[in-house]
Amino acid sequence: MAHPDVGQWSDPPENQGWFCFNSPFRDWLPHYLTEFLDYLDLDGFYFDDTNWGPHDSRPFHPSCCCDYCKALFGEETGLKIPTKVDFDSLTFRRFVNWRAEKLRAFFTI
């Protein structure tokens, strides 16, 4: 029996309420956090349990499927975001690496 988190989804959920690292949120957040540090007596921020992607029911999606991610992945790779978890697929494995690089880049802004 296949794991319930593996498989194809029909309509990826909208990224409602969870800010995508590939959206304009990426450029806005550093300014917002800097303002907090300038005006409040804070030592820093703790980014525990950083989420990227939807929080809908199973099957869980391997990442955010918003329009920003679709466009950026397509621009940078010439590929479409995969519609299922498939580690035998070169496209899916490339997507996993791309997703990890985007997350790393976001944390090093």
C-alpha atoms as a PDB file:
ATOM      1  CA  MET A   1       0.000   0.000   0.000  1.00  0.00           C
ATOM      2  CA  ALA A   2       1.354   3.409  -0.963  1.00  0.00           C
ATOM      3  CA  HIS A   3       2.062   5.979   1.695  1.00  0.00           C
ATOM      4  CA  PRO A   4      -0.869   8.446   1.921  1.00  0.00           C
ATOM      5  CA  ASP A   5       1.419  11.426   1.344  1.00  0.00           C
ATOM      6  CA  VAL A   6       2.662  10.090  -1.984  1.00  0.00           C
ATOM      7  CA  GLY A   7       0.630  10.518  -5.094  1.00  0.00           C
ATOM      8  CA  GLN A   8      -0.897  12.987  -7.444  1.00  0.00           C
ATOM      9  CA  TRP A   9      -3.138  15.831  -6.427  1.00  0.00           C
ATOM     10  CA  SER A  10      -5.802  17.287  -8.640  1.00  0.00           C
ATOM     11  CA  ASP A  11      -5.910  20.969  -7.731  1.00  0.00           C
ATOM     12  CA  PRO A  12      -3.047  22.292  -5.642  1.00  0.00           C
ATOM     13  CA  PRO A  13      -4.489  24.424  -2.844  1.00  0.00           C
ATOM     14  CA  GLU A  14      -4.020  28.137  -2.833  1.00  0.00           C
ATOM     15  CA  ASN A  15      -1.353  29.314  -0.444  1.00  0.00           C
ATOM     16  CA  GLN A  16      -3.876  31.157   1.719  1.00  0.00           C
ATOM     17  CA  GLY A  17      -2.469  32.574   4.908  1.00  0.00           C
ATOM     18  CA  TRP A  18       1.039  31.187   4.417  1.00  0.00           C
ATOM     19  CA  PHE A  19       3.471  33.587   2.811  1.00  0.00           C
ATOM     20  CA  CYS A  20       5.497  32.164  -0.030  1.00  0.00           C
ATOM     21  CA  PHE A  21       9.263  32.752  -0.098  1.00  0.00           C
ATOM     22  CA  ASN A  22       9.077  33.264  -3.862  1.00  0.00           C
ATOM     23  CA  SER A  23       6.439  36.004  -3.729  1.00  0.00           C
ATOM     24  CA  PRO A  24       6.901  39.736  -3.053  1.00  0.00           C
ATOM     25  CA  PHE A  25       6.786  38.729   0.637  1.00  0.00           C
ATOM     26  CA  ARG A  26      10.452  37.785   0.221  1.00  0.00           C
ATOM     27  CA  ASP A  27      11.430  41.402  -0.440  1.00  0.00           C
ATOM     28  CA  TRP A  28       9.060  42.878   2.135  1.00  0.00           C
ATOM     29  CA  LEU A  29      10.000  40.719   5.138  1.00  0.00           C
ATOM     30  CA  PRO A  30      13.586  41.946   5.732  1.00  0.00           C
ATOM     31  CA  HIS A  31      12.387  45.567   5.829  1.00  0.00           C
ATOM     32  CA  TYR A  32       9.565  44.643   8.190  1.00  0.00           C
ATOM     33  CA  LEU A  33      11.878  42.751  10.555  1.00  0.00           C
ATOM     34  CA  THR A  34      14.481  45.523  10.441  1.00  0.00           C
ATOM     35  CA  GLU A  35      11.805  47.984  11.503  1.00  0.00           C
ATOM     36  CA  PHE A  36      10.991  45.792  14.494  1.00  0.00           C
ATOM     37  CA  LEU A  37      14.657  45.702  15.475  1.00  0.00           C
ATOM     38  CA  ASP A  38      15.026  49.473  15.036  1.00  0.00           C
ATOM     39  CA  TYR A  39      12.074  50.361  17.263  1.00  0.00           C
ATOM     40  CA  LEU A  40      11.781  47.531  19.776  1.00  0.00           C
ATOM     41  CA  ASP A  41      14.234  46.078  22.239  1.00  0.00           C
ATOM     42  CA  LEU A  42      14.637  42.736  20.459  1.00  0.00           C
ATOM     43  CA  ASP A  43      17.763  40.662  20.106  1.00  0.00           C
ATOM     44  CA  GLY A  44      16.629  38.819  17.008  1.00  0.00           C
ATOM     45  CA  PHE A  45      14.098  36.416  15.565  1.00  0.00           C
ATOM     46  CA  TYR A  46      13.754  32.690  15.895  1.00  0.00           C
ATOM     47  CA  PHE A  47      12.586  30.969  12.717  1.00  0.00           C
ATOM     48  CA  ASP A  48      11.580  27.650  14.225  1.00  0.00           C
ATOM     49  CA  ASP A  49       9.090  25.536  12.300  1.00  0.00           C
ATOM     50  CA  THR A  50       9.287  27.648   9.161  1.00  0.00           C
ATOM     51  CA  ASN A  51       6.593  26.445   6.808  1.00  0.00           C
ATOM     52  CA  TRP A  52       6.567  26.452   3.065  1.00  0.00           C
ATOM     53  CA  GLY A  53       3.539  25.158   1.342  1.00  0.00           C
ATOM     54  CA  PRO A  54      -0.071  24.418   2.037  1.00  0.00           C
ATOM     55  CA  HIS A  55      -1.480  22.939   5.182  1.00  0.00           C
ATOM     56  CA  ASP A  56      -4.428  21.117   3.710  1.00  0.00           C
ATOM     57  CA  SER A  57      -5.395  17.523   4.216  1.00  0.00           C
ATOM     58  CA  ARG A  58      -3.616  14.568   2.639  1.00  0.00           C
ATOM     59  CA  PRO A  59      -2.053  13.960   0.311  1.00  0.00           C
ATOM     60  CA  PHE A  60       0.346  16.638   1.449  1.00  0.00           C
ATOM     61  CA  HIS A  61       1.904  18.589  -1.382  1.00  0.00           C
ATOM     62  CA  PRO A  62       5.675  18.600  -1.666  1.00  0.00           C
ATOM     63  CA  SER A  63       5.849  22.369  -1.558  1.00  0.00           C
ATOM     64  CA  CYS A  64       4.080  25.582  -2.333  1.00  0.00           C
ATOM     65  CA  CYS A  65       2.165  25.482  -5.604  1.00  0.00           C
ATOM     66  CA  CYS A  66       1.349  29.177  -5.855  1.00  0.00           C
ATOM     67  CA  ASP A  67       1.553  31.135  -9.087  1.00  0.00           C
ATOM     68  CA  TYR A  68       4.899  32.673  -8.044  1.00  0.00           C
ATOM     69  CA  CYS A  69       6.483  29.236  -7.563  1.00  0.00           C
ATOM     70  CA  LYS A  70       5.046  27.898 -10.815  1.00  0.00           C
ATOM     71  CA  ALA A  71       6.344  30.871 -12.774  1.00  0.00           C
ATOM     72  CA  LEU A  72       9.778  30.962 -11.148  1.00  0.00           C
ATOM     73  CA  PHE A  73      10.362  27.220 -11.454  1.00  0.00           C
ATOM     74  CA  GLY A  74       9.314  27.389 -15.100  1.00  0.00           C
ATOM     75  CA  GLU A  75      11.532  30.405 -15.779  1.00  0.00           C
ATOM     76  CA  GLU A  76      14.586  28.898 -14.134  1.00  0.00           C
ATOM     77  CA  THR A  77      14.266  25.313 -15.345  1.00  0.00           C
ATOM     78  CA  GLY A  78      11.934  25.316 -18.341  1.00  0.00           C
ATOM     79  CA  LEU A  79       9.859  22.706 -16.492  1.00  0.00           C
ATOM     80  CA  LYS A  80       6.441  22.548 -14.862  1.00  0.00           C
ATOM     81  CA  ILE A  81       6.197  21.965 -11.116  1.00  0.00           C
ATOM     82  CA  PRO A  82       5.662  18.216 -10.678  1.00  0.00           C
ATOM     83  CA  THR A  83       2.157  17.038  -9.841  1.00  0.00           C
ATOM     84  CA  LYS A  84       3.202  14.051  -7.767  1.00  0.00           C
ATOM     85  CA  VAL A  85       5.921  12.856  -5.468  1.00  0.00           C
ATOM     86  CA  ASP A  86       8.121  10.624  -7.599  1.00  0.00           C
ATOM     87  CA  PHE A  87      11.785  10.272  -6.716  1.00  0.00           C
ATOM     88  CA  ASP A  88      12.318   8.224  -9.866  1.00  0.00           C
ATOM     89  CA  SER A  89      11.514  11.362 -11.877  1.00  0.00           C
ATOM     90  CA  LEU A  90      14.447  13.619 -12.752  1.00  0.00           C
ATOM     91  CA  THR A  91      12.042  16.570 -12.878  1.00  0.00           C
ATOM     92  CA  PHE A  92      10.813  15.892  -9.357  1.00  0.00           C
ATOM     93  CA  ARG A  93      14.349  15.488  -8.007  1.00  0.00           C
ATOM     94  CA  ARG A  94      15.357  18.729  -9.722  1.00  0.00           C
ATOM     95  CA  PHE A  95      12.328  20.378  -8.144  1.00  0.00           C
ATOM     96  CA  VAL A  96      13.353  19.147  -4.666  1.00  0.00           C
ATOM     97  CA  ASN A  97      16.832  20.641  -5.150  1.00  0.00           C
ATOM     98  CA  TRP A  98      15.364  23.877  -6.522  1.00  0.00           C
ATOM     99  CA  ARG A  99      13.009  24.125  -3.549  1.00  0.00           C
ATOM    100  CA  ALA A 100      15.884  23.596  -1.092  1.00  0.00           C
ATOM    101  CA  GLU A 101      17.976  26.282  -2.801  1.00  0.00           C
ATOM    102  CA  LYS A 102      15.091  28.776  -2.657  1.00  0.00           C
ATOM    103  CA  LEU A 103      14.644  28.114   1.059  1.00  0.00           C
ATOM    104  CA  ARG A 104      18.386  28.522   1.705  1.00  0.00           C
ATOM    105  CA  ALA A 105      18.450  31.750  -0.293  1.00  0.00           C
ATOM    106  CA  PHE A 106      15.486  33.095   1.667  1.00  0.00           C
ATOM    107  CA  PHE A 107      17.245  32.489   4.975  1.00  0.00           C
ATOM    108  CA  THR A 108      20.370  34.291   3.808  1.00  0.00           C
ATOM    109  CA  ILE A 109      18.710  37.504   2.642  1.00  0.00           C
END
